Amino acid sequence: MMIMVSIPLGVLIPEDFLGTAAFQFLAAFVAINTIMYVALAVAKMLPKVYLSDFVSRRGRRRETRSINPDDPVGH
């Protein structure tokens, strides 16, 4: 014969524990961690941005120094 035990569904921890400082710290840590991983995932999907595309450096050569004189300046 099997004994049926009634367990309330959806209750994993006592309600008093949710107000403790330790639980609030862990909840904040998980929230910040989730936001960081979402930001990293979105950043990986975007194309790479190079600073040199927006800022011209004064030290760049205006003429090619290649052995092939018809090569473009910026490969």
Protein backbone atom coordinates (compact mmCIF):
# COMPACT_ATOMS: atom_id res chain seq x y z
CA MET A 1 0.00 0.00 0.00
CA MET A 2 1.38 3.44 -1.02
CA ILE A 3 1.13 6.49 1.24
CA MET A 4 0.38 9.78 -0.52
CA VAL A 5 2.09 12.85 0.93
CA SER A 6 0.71 16.25 0.03
CA ILE A 7 3.44 18.70 -0.98
CA PRO A 8 2.37 22.23 -1.89
CA LEU A 9 3.45 22.92 -5.47
CA GLY A 10 5.50 26.03 -6.19
CA VAL A 11 6.77 26.45 -2.64
CA LEU A 12 10.48 25.72 -2.50
CA ILE A 13 11.71 27.94 0.31
CA PRO A 14 9.98 29.68 3.20
CA GLU A 15 8.65 33.16 2.57
CA ASP A 16 10.68 34.58 5.46
CA PHE A 17 13.91 33.65 3.72
CA LEU A 18 13.09 35.89 0.73
CA GLY A 19 13.51 39.01 2.87
CA THR A 20 16.94 38.17 4.25
CA ALA A 21 20.03 40.09 3.20
CA ALA A 22 21.75 36.93 1.93
CA PHE A 23 18.91 36.11 -0.46
CA GLN A 24 18.68 39.70 -1.68
CA PHE A 25 22.44 39.72 -2.34
CA LEU A 26 22.21 36.49 -4.34
CA ALA A 27 19.21 37.81 -6.28
CA ALA A 28 21.10 41.01 -7.15
CA PHE A 29 24.16 39.00 -8.18
CA VAL A 30 22.09 36.78 -10.49
CA ALA A 31 20.36 39.83 -11.99
CA ILE A 32 23.64 41.64 -12.73
CA ASN A 33 25.20 38.45 -14.08
CA THR A 34 22.24 37.91 -16.42
CA ILE A 35 22.42 41.48 -17.71
CA MET A 36 26.16 41.12 -18.37
CA TYR A 37 25.71 37.87 -20.32
CA VAL A 38 22.91 39.38 -22.40
CA ALA A 39 25.09 42.40 -23.19
CA LEU A 40 27.99 40.14 -24.18
CA ALA A 41 25.73 38.03 -26.41
CA VAL A 42 24.37 41.13 -28.16
CA ALA A 43 27.90 42.54 -28.57
CA LYS A 44 29.03 39.30 -30.22
CA MET A 45 26.22 39.57 -32.78
CA LEU A 46 27.13 43.11 -33.81
CA PRO A 47 29.89 43.78 -36.37
CA LYS A 48 33.31 44.72 -35.05
CA VAL A 49 34.08 48.41 -34.76
CA TYR A 50 37.65 49.61 -35.10
CA LEU A 51 38.75 52.97 -33.75
CA SER A 52 41.05 53.50 -36.73
CA ASP A 53 38.02 53.67 -39.03
CA PHE A 54 36.86 56.85 -37.29
CA VAL A 55 40.12 58.51 -36.27
CA SER A 56 42.75 59.29 -38.88
CA ARG A 57 46.30 59.09 -37.65
CA ARG A 58 48.86 61.62 -38.77
CA GLY A 59 51.56 58.98 -39.17
CA ARG A 60 49.92 57.14 -42.08
CA ARG A 61 51.75 57.12 -45.38
CA ARG A 62 50.15 58.92 -48.25
CA GLU A 63 52.13 56.90 -50.81
CA THR A 64 52.55 53.19 -51.12
CA ARG A 65 55.97 51.76 -50.33
CA SER A 66 55.22 48.41 -51.92
CA ILE A 67 57.36 46.82 -54.61
CA ASN A 68 54.20 46.97 -56.71
CA PRO A 69 53.70 50.71 -57.31
CA ASP A 70 50.05 50.27 -58.37
CA ASP A 71 48.96 48.74 -55.05
CA PRO A 72 46.43 50.80 -53.08
CA VAL A 73 47.71 52.62 -50.00
CA GLY A 74 45.44 51.04 -47.37
CA HIS A 75 45.25 47.26 -47.86
